[in-house]
C-alpha cells in the first residue's frame, strides 16, 4: 500500500529528504511551503505533489513531516490539530522542541515522532536521532519512520532523555570537524602550500580517514596507532596535543554544547 508523505517546509532539510526518497515507488511525496520556487523545482525533479496550504496537505497525507523553523512550529501545528487523528503521524524535525510540547499542541490527537538530523543529511550522509517515546505510535509507525529517514543517512532510535547528549556530540559535531579542518588548512598555508592546494588536500584527508574508519575492522584508536611510528613525526605532534590537553578541551566543548541544549529545552 502506497503511503503518502507530506512535507510542511521544503527548505534545505526538507528538500534533502524529498530527494532521498524520490526513487521509492511505495510512497507518494507531497509538499507545502511559502517558497513556491522550491515546490516547483521538487515537482519537476522528483514528482512532488504541491498543496496550497499545510491544512490541505494534512488532509491528504498519512505522515506529516514538520520541517519548519522552530519559531514557526507552534502556529503551524495548532492550525493542523483539528485535522489530526490516530491514523496520521506527525514527524517533527524542528530543533529544541520536546515531545511533550508537540503532544500539548496536538491535544494528544495523533502519534508524534521527534527527529534530530545533523547537517550532513543534506548530502545523504547524516546521522539522525529518532524518538519513538510517544504512546500513540503503532508498531508499524515505529518500524517505518526510521526506515524512511535512512534515505538521508544513519538513524538511531534514542529515548528523548539522550537527545541533549546527541546534540552535544552529533548535532553540533559537524561544526567541530569543520573547525579542525580550518586549522589544518591554515597550517598547510603557513607551511607553504597554496590555499587551494591545502583545501583540497585537507578535504581528501578527512574523507579518506572517515572512510577508512568506516570500513576498517580496527577501532579508531588502533587506526591512530598504525599511523604513529615510534620516534616519528606523528607522535611528536600528538605529544604536543596531549601537553595542551587538547582531548580534554574537545570533551569539555562537547559538554558545553550538551549543557546549552538542556538550557534551550527549558526555555
C-alpha atoms as a PDB file:
ATOM      1  CA  UNK A   1       0.000   0.000   0.000  1.00  0.00           C
ATOM      2  CA  UNK A   2       1.386   3.388  -1.018  1.00  0.00           C
ATOM      3  CA  UNK A   3       1.985   5.735   1.901  1.00  0.00           C
ATOM      4  CA  UNK A   4       1.513   9.464   1.444  1.00  0.00           C
ATOM      5  CA  UNK A   5       4.324  11.527   2.976  1.00  0.00           C
ATOM      6  CA  UNK A   6       3.748  15.277   3.269  1.00  0.00           C
ATOM      7  CA  UNK A   7       6.436  17.887   3.909  1.00  0.00           C
ATOM      8  CA  UNK A   8       5.485  21.170   5.531  1.00  0.00           C
ATOM      9  CA  UNK A   9       8.584  23.133   4.659  1.00  0.00           C
ATOM     10  CA  UNK A  10      10.866  22.191   1.775  1.00  0.00           C
ATOM     11  CA  UNK A  11      13.958  24.208   2.633  1.00  0.00           C
ATOM     12  CA  UNK A  12      17.385  22.600   2.803  1.00  0.00           C
ATOM     13  CA  UNK A  13      16.481  19.705   5.099  1.00  0.00           C
ATOM     14  CA  UNK A  14      13.014  19.076   3.695  1.00  0.00           C
ATOM     15  CA  UNK A  15      14.372  19.111   0.141  1.00  0.00           C
ATOM     16  CA  UNK A  16      17.191  16.735   1.094  1.00  0.00           C
ATOM     17  CA  UNK A  17      14.719  14.199   2.480  1.00  0.00           C
ATOM     18  CA  UNK A  18      12.480  14.501  -0.577  1.00  0.00           C
ATOM     19  CA  UNK A  19      15.486  13.911  -2.814  1.00  0.00           C
ATOM     20  CA  UNK A  20      16.493  10.864  -0.780  1.00  0.00           C
ATOM     21  CA  UNK A  21      13.013   9.357  -1.027  1.00  0.00           C
ATOM     22  CA  UNK A  22      12.258  10.200  -4.648  1.00  0.00           C
ATOM     23  CA  UNK A  23      13.338   6.858  -6.112  1.00  0.00           C
ATOM     24  CA  UNK A  24      10.963   4.830  -3.958  1.00  0.00           C
ATOM     25  CA  UNK A  25       7.773   3.561  -5.575  1.00  0.00           C
ATOM     26  CA  UNK A  26       5.997   2.654  -2.323  1.00  0.00           C
ATOM     27  CA  UNK A  27       5.440   6.260  -1.225  1.00  0.00           C
ATOM     28  CA  UNK A  28       3.832   9.385  -2.634  1.00  0.00           C
ATOM     29  CA  UNK A  29       5.531  12.701  -1.887  1.00  0.00           C
ATOM     30  CA  UNK A  30       3.562  15.865  -1.064  1.00  0.00           C
ATOM     31  CA  UNK A  31       4.709  19.349  -0.116  1.00  0.00           C
ATOM     32  CA  UNK A  32       3.549  22.762   1.104  1.00  0.00           C
ATOM     33  CA  UNK A  33       5.740  25.836   1.553  1.00  0.00           C
ATOM     34  CA  UNK A  34       5.686  29.600   1.142  1.00  0.00           C
ATOM     35  CA  UNK A  35       8.641  29.179  -1.217  1.00  0.00           C
ATOM     36  CA  UNK A  36       6.810  28.265  -4.405  1.00  0.00           C
ATOM     37  CA  UNK A  37      10.042  28.071  -6.404  1.00  0.00           C
ATOM     38  CA  UNK A  38      11.287  25.209  -4.220  1.00  0.00           C
ATOM     39  CA  UNK A  39       7.982  23.394  -4.599  1.00  0.00           C
ATOM     40  CA  UNK A  40       8.024  23.789  -8.382  1.00  0.00           C
ATOM     41  CA  UNK A  41      11.601  22.530  -8.580  1.00  0.00           C
ATOM     42  CA  UNK A  42      10.836  19.469  -6.476  1.00  0.00           C
ATOM     43  CA  UNK A  43       7.714  18.832  -8.512  1.00  0.00           C
ATOM     44  CA  UNK A  44       9.684  18.920 -11.740  1.00  0.00           C
ATOM     45  CA  UNK A  45      12.681  16.918 -10.487  1.00  0.00           C
ATOM     46  CA  UNK A  46      11.028  14.430  -8.126  1.00  0.00           C
ATOM     47  CA  UNK A  47       7.290  14.440  -8.781  1.00  0.00           C
ATOM     48  CA  UNK A  48       6.373  16.193  -5.518  1.00  0.00           C
ATOM     49  CA  UNK A  49       2.621  16.874  -5.342  1.00  0.00           C
ATOM     50  CA  UNK A  50       2.090  20.527  -4.435  1.00  0.00           C
ATOM     51  CA  UNK A  51      -0.507  21.724  -1.928  1.00  0.00           C
ATOM     52  CA  UNK A  52      -1.572  25.315  -1.488  1.00  0.00           C
ATOM     53  CA  UNK A  53      -1.668  25.090   2.309  1.00  0.00           C
ATOM     54  CA  UNK A  54      -0.478  22.992   5.219  1.00  0.00           C
ATOM     55  CA  UNK A  55      -4.072  22.066   6.033  1.00  0.00           C
ATOM     56  CA  UNK A  56      -4.699  20.750   2.519  1.00  0.00           C
ATOM     57  CA  UNK A  57      -1.535  18.657   2.829  1.00  0.00           C
ATOM     58  CA  UNK A  58      -2.541  17.310   6.258  1.00  0.00           C
ATOM     59  CA  UNK A  59      -5.897  16.148   4.901  1.00  0.00           C
ATOM     60  CA  UNK A  60      -4.191  14.183   2.122  1.00  0.00           C
ATOM     61  CA  UNK A  61      -1.223  12.582   3.912  1.00  0.00           C
ATOM     62  CA  UNK A  62      -0.555   9.705   6.307  1.00  0.00           C
ATOM     63  CA  UNK A  63       2.794  11.024   7.585  1.00  0.00           C
ATOM     64  CA  UNK A  64       3.243  14.773   8.058  1.00  0.00           C
ATOM     65  CA  UNK A  65       6.875  15.887   8.239  1.00  0.00           C
ATOM     66  CA  UNK A  66       7.181  19.228  10.010  1.00  0.00           C
ATOM     67  CA  UNK A  67      10.348  20.818   8.608  1.00  0.00           C
ATOM     68  CA  UNK A  68       9.870  24.494   9.502  1.00  0.00           C
ATOM     69  CA  UNK A  69      11.982  26.778  11.679  1.00  0.00           C
ATOM     70  CA  UNK A  70      11.340  26.144  15.396  1.00  0.00           C
ATOM     71  CA  UNK A  71       9.787  29.573  15.925  1.00  0.00           C
ATOM     72  CA  UNK A  72       7.144  28.776  13.289  1.00  0.00           C
ATOM     73  CA  UNK A  73       6.263  25.320  14.583  1.00  0.00           C
ATOM     74  CA  UNK A  74       3.572  26.183  17.146  1.00  0.00           C
ATOM     75  CA  UNK A  75       1.138  28.097  14.889  1.00  0.00           C
ATOM     76  CA  UNK A  76       1.531  25.504  12.122  1.00  0.00           C
ATOM     77  CA  UNK A  77       0.851  22.549  14.421  1.00  0.00           C
ATOM     78  CA  UNK A  78      -2.099  24.236  16.120  1.00  0.00           C
ATOM     79  CA  UNK A  79      -3.599  25.008  12.711  1.00  0.00           C
ATOM     80  CA  UNK A  80      -3.320  21.322  11.797  1.00  0.00           C
ATOM     81  CA  UNK A  81      -4.591  19.930  15.114  1.00  0.00           C
ATOM     82  CA  UNK A  82      -8.317  19.702  14.182  1.00  0.00           C
ATOM     83  CA  UNK A  83      -7.327  17.575  11.163  1.00  0.00           C
ATOM     84  CA  UNK A  84      -5.135  15.120  13.081  1.00  0.00           C
ATOM     85  CA  UNK A  85      -6.172  11.659  14.235  1.00  0.00           C
ATOM     86  CA  UNK A  86      -4.630   8.350  15.228  1.00  0.00           C
ATOM     87  CA  UNK A  87      -4.166   7.378  11.594  1.00  0.00           C
ATOM     88  CA  UNK A  88      -1.814  10.310  10.901  1.00  0.00           C
ATOM     89  CA  UNK A  89       1.734  10.543  12.236  1.00  0.00           C
ATOM     90  CA  UNK A  90       3.292  13.949  12.899  1.00  0.00           C
ATOM     91  CA  UNK A  91       7.051  13.706  12.367  1.00  0.00           C
ATOM     92  CA  UNK A  92       8.871  16.809  13.592  1.00  0.00           C
ATOM     93  CA  UNK A  93      12.460  17.758  12.793  1.00  0.00           C
ATOM     94  CA  UNK A  94      12.410  21.179  14.484  1.00  0.00           C
ATOM     95  CA  UNK A  95      15.390  21.627  16.807  1.00  0.00           C
ATOM     96  CA  UNK A  96      14.911  22.127  20.533  1.00  0.00           C
ATOM     97  CA  UNK A  97      11.185  21.380  20.873  1.00  0.00           C
ATOM     98  CA  UNK A  98      10.478  18.417  23.200  1.00  0.00           C
ATOM     99  CA  UNK A  99       7.953  15.693  22.508  1.00  0.00           C
ATOM    100  CA  UNK A 100       5.720  16.860  25.379  1.00  0.00           C
ATOM    101  CA  UNK A 101       5.263  20.217  23.654  1.00  0.00           C
ATOM    102  CA  UNK A 102       4.068  18.577  20.439  1.00  0.00           C
ATOM    103  CA  UNK A 103       1.729  16.380  22.469  1.00  0.00           C
ATOM    104  CA  UNK A 104       0.288  19.512  24.103  1.00  0.00           C
ATOM    105  CA  UNK A 105      -0.082  21.379  20.798  1.00  0.00           C
ATOM    106  CA  UNK A 106      -1.794  18.417  19.110  1.00  0.00           C
ATOM    107  CA  UNK A 107      -4.007  17.754  22.155  1.00  0.00           C
ATOM    108  CA  UNK A 108      -2.726  14.160  22.001  1.00  0.00           C
ATOM    109  CA  UNK A 109      -4.851  13.551  18.906  1.00  0.00           C
ATOM    110  CA  UNK A 110      -2.181  11.725  16.899  1.00  0.00           C
ATOM    111  CA  UNK A 111       1.100   9.819  17.105  1.00  0.00           C
ATOM    112  CA  UNK A 112       4.178  12.073  17.185  1.00  0.00           C
ATOM    113  CA  UNK A 113       7.804  11.322  16.340  1.00  0.00           C
ATOM    114  CA  UNK A 114      10.670  13.682  17.105  1.00  0.00           C
ATOM    115  CA  UNK A 115      13.694  13.534  14.797  1.00  0.00           C
ATOM    116  CA  UNK A 116      17.010  15.365  15.002  1.00  0.00           C
ATOM    117  CA  UNK A 117      19.210  15.090  11.888  1.00  0.00           C
ATOM    118  CA  UNK A 118      22.607  16.750  11.554  1.00  0.00           C
ATOM    119  CA  UNK A 119      23.618  18.844   8.553  1.00  0.00           C
ATOM    120  CA  UNK A 120      25.443  16.134   6.523  1.00  0.00           C
ATOM    121  CA  UNK A 121      21.918  14.844   5.894  1.00  0.00           C
ATOM    122  CA  UNK A 122      21.927  17.466   3.135  1.00  0.00           C
ATOM    123  CA  UNK A 123      24.307  15.215   1.181  1.00  0.00           C
ATOM    124  CA  UNK A 124      22.695  11.937   2.229  1.00  0.00           C
ATOM    125  CA  UNK A 125      25.298  11.211   4.930  1.00  0.00           C
ATOM    126  CA  UNK A 126      23.532  12.458   8.019  1.00  0.00           C
ATOM    127  CA  UNK A 127      23.250  10.927  11.463  1.00  0.00           C
ATOM    128  CA  UNK A 128      19.752  11.259  12.913  1.00  0.00           C
ATOM    129  CA  UNK A 129      18.314  10.603  16.366  1.00  0.00           C
ATOM    130  CA  UNK A 130      14.712   9.401  16.378  1.00  0.00           C
ATOM    131  CA  UNK A 131      12.489   9.479  19.447  1.00  0.00           C
ATOM    132  CA  UNK A 132       9.686   6.902  19.443  1.00  0.00           C
ATOM    133  CA  UNK A 133       8.556   7.533  23.040  1.00  0.00           C
ATOM    134  CA  UNK A 134       5.045   8.719  22.148  1.00  0.00           C
ATOM    135  CA  UNK A 135       2.447   6.265  23.448  1.00  0.00           C
ATOM    136  CA  UNK A 136       0.195   6.648  20.394  1.00  0.00           C
ATOM    137  CA  UNK A 137       2.696   5.207  17.921  1.00  0.00           C
ATOM    138  CA  UNK A 138       1.817   1.865  16.342  1.00  0.00           C
ATOM    139  CA  UNK A 139       4.393  -0.857  15.752  1.00  0.00           C
ATOM    140  CA  UNK A 140       4.114  -0.137  12.025  1.00  0.00           C
ATOM    141  CA  UNK A 141       4.942   3.530  12.544  1.00  0.00           C
ATOM    142  CA  UNK A 142       7.875   2.673  14.822  1.00  0.00           C
ATOM    143  CA  UNK A 143       9.317   0.488  12.082  1.00  0.00           C
ATOM    144  CA  UNK A 144       8.501   2.750   9.138  1.00  0.00           C
ATOM    145  CA  UNK A 145       9.812   6.146  10.313  1.00  0.00           C
ATOM    146  CA  UNK A 146      13.449   5.066  10.952  1.00  0.00           C
ATOM    147  CA  UNK A 147      13.450   3.199   7.642  1.00  0.00           C
ATOM    148  CA  UNK A 148      12.068   6.295   5.905  1.00  0.00           C
ATOM    149  CA  UNK A 149      14.750   8.604   7.283  1.00  0.00           C
ATOM    150  CA  UNK A 150      17.508   6.149   6.419  1.00  0.00           C
ATOM    151  CA  UNK A 151      17.311   7.841   2.999  1.00  0.00           C
ATOM    152  CA  UNK A 152      19.472  10.672   4.406  1.00  0.00           C
ATOM    153  CA  UNK A 153      21.982   8.599   6.378  1.00  0.00           C
ATOM    154  CA  UNK A 154      22.221   6.720   9.659  1.00  0.00           C
ATOM    155  CA  UNK A 155      19.215   6.572  12.001  1.00  0.00           C
ATOM    156  CA  UNK A 156      19.458   5.837  15.725  1.00  0.00           C
ATOM    157  CA  UNK A 157      16.397   5.306  17.902  1.00  0.00           C
ATOM    158  CA  UNK A 158      17.068   7.024  21.240  1.00  0.00           C
ATOM    159  CA  UNK A 159      14.954   7.900  24.266  1.00  0.00           C
ATOM    160  CA  UNK A 160      14.354  11.618  24.385  1.00  0.00           C
ATOM    161  CA  UNK A 161      16.457  11.920  27.555  1.00  0.00           C
ATOM    162  CA  UNK A 162      19.543  11.252  25.378  1.00  0.00           C
ATOM    163  CA  UNK A 163      18.715  13.922  22.764  1.00  0.00           C
ATOM    164  CA  UNK A 164      20.783  16.580  24.566  1.00  0.00           C
ATOM    165  CA  UNK A 165      23.766  14.216  24.538  1.00  0.00           C
ATOM    166  CA  UNK A 166      23.149  13.561  20.842  1.00  0.00           C
ATOM    167  CA  UNK A 167      23.097  17.328  20.240  1.00  0.00           C
ATOM    168  CA  UNK A 168      26.408  17.847  22.028  1.00  0.00           C
ATOM    169  CA  UNK A 169      28.223  15.084  20.166  1.00  0.00           C
ATOM    170  CA  UNK A 170      26.484  14.720  16.787  1.00  0.00           C
ATOM    171  CA  UNK A 171      24.137  17.653  16.200  1.00  0.00           C
ATOM    172  CA  UNK A 172      26.900  20.202  16.822  1.00  0.00           C
ATOM    173  CA  UNK A 173      29.592  17.770  15.659  1.00  0.00           C
ATOM    174  CA  UNK A 174      29.927  18.916  12.042  1.00  0.00           C
ATOM    175  CA  UNK A 175      30.999  22.355  13.288  1.00  0.00           C
ATOM    176  CA  UNK A 176      33.769  20.759  15.364  1.00  0.00           C
ATOM    177  CA  UNK A 177      35.003  18.852  12.316  1.00  0.00           C
ATOM    178  CA  UNK A 178      34.932  21.955  10.104  1.00  0.00           C
ATOM    179  CA  UNK A 179      36.737  23.908  12.846  1.00  0.00           C
ATOM    180  CA  UNK A 180      39.551  21.347  12.916  1.00  0.00           C
ATOM    181  CA  UNK A 181      39.638  21.326   9.114  1.00  0.00           C
ATOM    182  CA  UNK A 182      40.083  25.111   9.155  1.00  0.00           C
ATOM    183  CA  UNK A 183      43.076  24.740  11.474  1.00  0.00           C
ATOM    184  CA  UNK A 184      44.620  22.084   9.233  1.00  0.00           C
ATOM    185  CA  UNK A 185      44.098  24.241   6.131  1.00  0.00           C
ATOM    186  CA  UNK A 186      45.728  27.258   7.808  1.00  0.00           C
ATOM    187  CA  UNK A 187      48.650  25.067   8.869  1.00  0.00           C
ATOM    188  CA  UNK A 188      49.192  23.990   5.277  1.00  0.00           C
ATOM    189  CA  UNK A 189      49.155  27.576   4.051  1.00  0.00           C
ATOM    190  CA  UNK A 190      51.587  28.624   6.811  1.00  0.00           C
ATOM    191  CA  UNK A 191      53.935  25.843   5.706  1.00  0.00           C
ATOM    192  CA  UNK A 192      53.978  26.990   2.083  1.00  0.00           C
ATOM    193  CA  UNK A 193      51.087  25.228   0.341  1.00  0.00           C
ATOM    194  CA  UNK A 194      48.754  27.400  -1.693  1.00  0.00           C
ATOM    195  CA  UNK A 195      45.305  27.795  -0.164  1.00  0.00           C
ATOM    196  CA  UNK A 196      43.569  25.803  -2.949  1.00  0.00           C
ATOM    197  CA  UNK A 197      46.124  23.017  -2.529  1.00  0.00           C
ATOM    198  CA  UNK A 198      45.704  22.965   1.237  1.00  0.00           C
ATOM    199  CA  UNK A 199      41.899  22.972   0.999  1.00  0.00           C
ATOM    200  CA  UNK A 200      41.840  20.113  -1.488  1.00  0.00           C
ATOM    201  CA  UNK A 201      44.366  18.065   0.476  1.00  0.00           C
ATOM    202  CA  UNK A 202      42.608  18.548   3.835  1.00  0.00           C
ATOM    203  CA  UNK A 203      39.223  17.622   2.354  1.00  0.00           C
ATOM    204  CA  UNK A 204      40.830  14.474   0.979  1.00  0.00           C
ATOM    205  CA  UNK A 205      42.445  13.775   4.338  1.00  0.00           C
ATOM    206  CA  UNK A 206      39.143  13.894   6.221  1.00  0.00           C
ATOM    207  CA  UNK A 207      37.200  11.995   3.584  1.00  0.00           C
ATOM    208  CA  UNK A 208      39.853   9.290   3.382  1.00  0.00           C
ATOM    209  CA  UNK A 209      40.255   8.995   7.145  1.00  0.00           C
ATOM    210  CA  UNK A 210      36.499   8.810   7.778  1.00  0.00           C
ATOM    211  CA  UNK A 211      36.065   6.216   5.028  1.00  0.00           C
ATOM    212  CA  UNK A 212      38.954   4.185   6.447  1.00  0.00           C
ATOM    213  CA  UNK A 213      37.400   4.277   9.929  1.00  0.00           C
ATOM    214  CA  UNK A 214      34.038   3.245   8.491  1.00  0.00           C
ATOM    215  CA  UNK A 215      35.390   0.308   6.504  1.00  0.00           C
ATOM    216  CA  UNK A 216      38.096  -0.964   8.830  1.00  0.00           C
ATOM    217  CA  UNK A 217      37.689  -3.743  11.392  1.00  0.00           C
ATOM    218  CA  UNK A 218      40.056  -1.786  13.660  1.00  0.00           C
ATOM    219  CA  UNK A 219      38.956   0.769  16.257  1.00  0.00           C
ATOM    220  CA  UNK A 220      39.824   4.430  15.698  1.00  0.00           C
ATOM    221  CA  UNK A 221      42.427   4.092  18.469  1.00  0.00           C
ATOM    222  CA  UNK A 222      44.089   1.210  16.635  1.00  0.00           C
ATOM    223  CA  UNK A 223      43.991   3.147  13.368  1.00  0.00           C
ATOM    224  CA  UNK A 224      45.621   6.127  15.065  1.00  0.00           C
ATOM    225  CA  UNK A 225      48.323   3.861  16.485  1.00  0.00           C
ATOM    226  CA  UNK A 226      49.005   2.458  13.000  1.00  0.00           C
ATOM    227  CA  UNK A 227      49.984   5.968  11.835  1.00  0.00           C
ATOM    228  CA  UNK A 228      52.067   6.678  14.925  1.00  0.00           C
ATOM    229  CA  UNK A 229      55.581   5.293  14.452  1.00  0.00           C
ATOM    230  CA  UNK A 230      57.983   5.275  17.438  1.00  0.00           C
ATOM    231  CA  UNK A 231      60.120   8.411  17.467  1.00  0.00           C
ATOM    232  CA  UNK A 232      58.428   9.722  14.330  1.00  0.00           C
ATOM    233  CA  UNK A 233      56.711  12.888  13.185  1.00  0.00           C
ATOM    234  CA  UNK A 234      53.187  11.916  14.206  1.00  0.00           C
ATOM    235  CA  UNK A 235      53.994  11.068  17.831  1.00  0.00           C
ATOM    236  CA  UNK A 236      55.731  14.432  18.124  1.00  0.00           C
ATOM    237  CA  UNK A 237      52.532  16.224  17.129  1.00  0.00           C
ATOM    238  CA  UNK A 238      50.327  14.020  19.315  1.00  0.00           C
ATOM    239  CA  UNK A 239      52.538  14.596  22.342  1.00  0.00           C
ATOM    240  CA  UNK A 240      52.142  18.338  21.836  1.00  0.00           C
ATOM    241  CA  UNK A 241      48.356  17.929  21.668  1.00  0.00           C
ATOM    242  CA  UNK A 242      48.472  15.912  24.906  1.00  0.00           C
ATOM    243  CA  UNK A 243      50.608  18.537  26.672  1.00  0.00           C
ATOM    244  CA  UNK A 244      47.985  21.126  25.662  1.00  0.00           C
ATOM    245  CA  UNK A 245      45.198  18.810  26.922  1.00  0.00           C
ATOM    246  CA  UNK A 246      43.539  19.077  23.521  1.00  0.00           C
ATOM    247  CA  UNK A 247      41.481  15.905  24.002  1.00  0.00           C
ATOM    248  CA  UNK A 248      40.189  17.217  27.320  1.00  0.00           C
ATOM    249  CA  UNK A 249      39.336  20.561  25.726  1.00  0.00           C
ATOM    250  CA  UNK A 250      37.350  18.807  22.995  1.00  0.00           C
ATOM    251  CA  UNK A 251      35.430  16.782  25.588  1.00  0.00           C
ATOM    252  CA  UNK A 252      34.763  19.949  27.600  1.00  0.00           C
ATOM    253  CA  UNK A 253      33.476  21.688  24.476  1.00  0.00           C
ATOM    254  CA  UNK A 254      31.080  18.836  23.724  1.00  0.00           C
ATOM    255  CA  UNK A 255      29.781  19.075  27.291  1.00  0.00           C
ATOM    256  CA  UNK A 256      29.248  22.848  26.852  1.00  0.00           C
ATOM    257  CA  UNK A 257      27.071  22.112  23.809  1.00  0.00           C
ATOM    258  CA  UNK A 258      25.216  19.489  25.859  1.00  0.00           C
ATOM    259  CA  UNK A 259      24.584  21.932  28.710  1.00  0.00           C
ATOM    260  CA  UNK A 260      23.369  24.603  26.289  1.00  0.00           C
ATOM    261  CA  UNK A 261      20.973  22.120  24.694  1.00  0.00           C
ATOM    262  CA  UNK A 262      19.480  21.462  28.138  1.00  0.00           C
ATOM    263  CA  UNK A 263      19.129  25.213  28.748  1.00  0.00           C
ATOM    264  CA  UNK A 264      17.356  25.765  25.438  1.00  0.00           C
ATOM    265  CA  UNK A 265      14.925  22.937  26.171  1.00  0.00           C
ATOM    266  CA  UNK A 266      13.997  24.587  29.474  1.00  0.00           C
ATOM    267  CA  UNK A 267      13.216  27.981  27.946  1.00  0.00           C
END
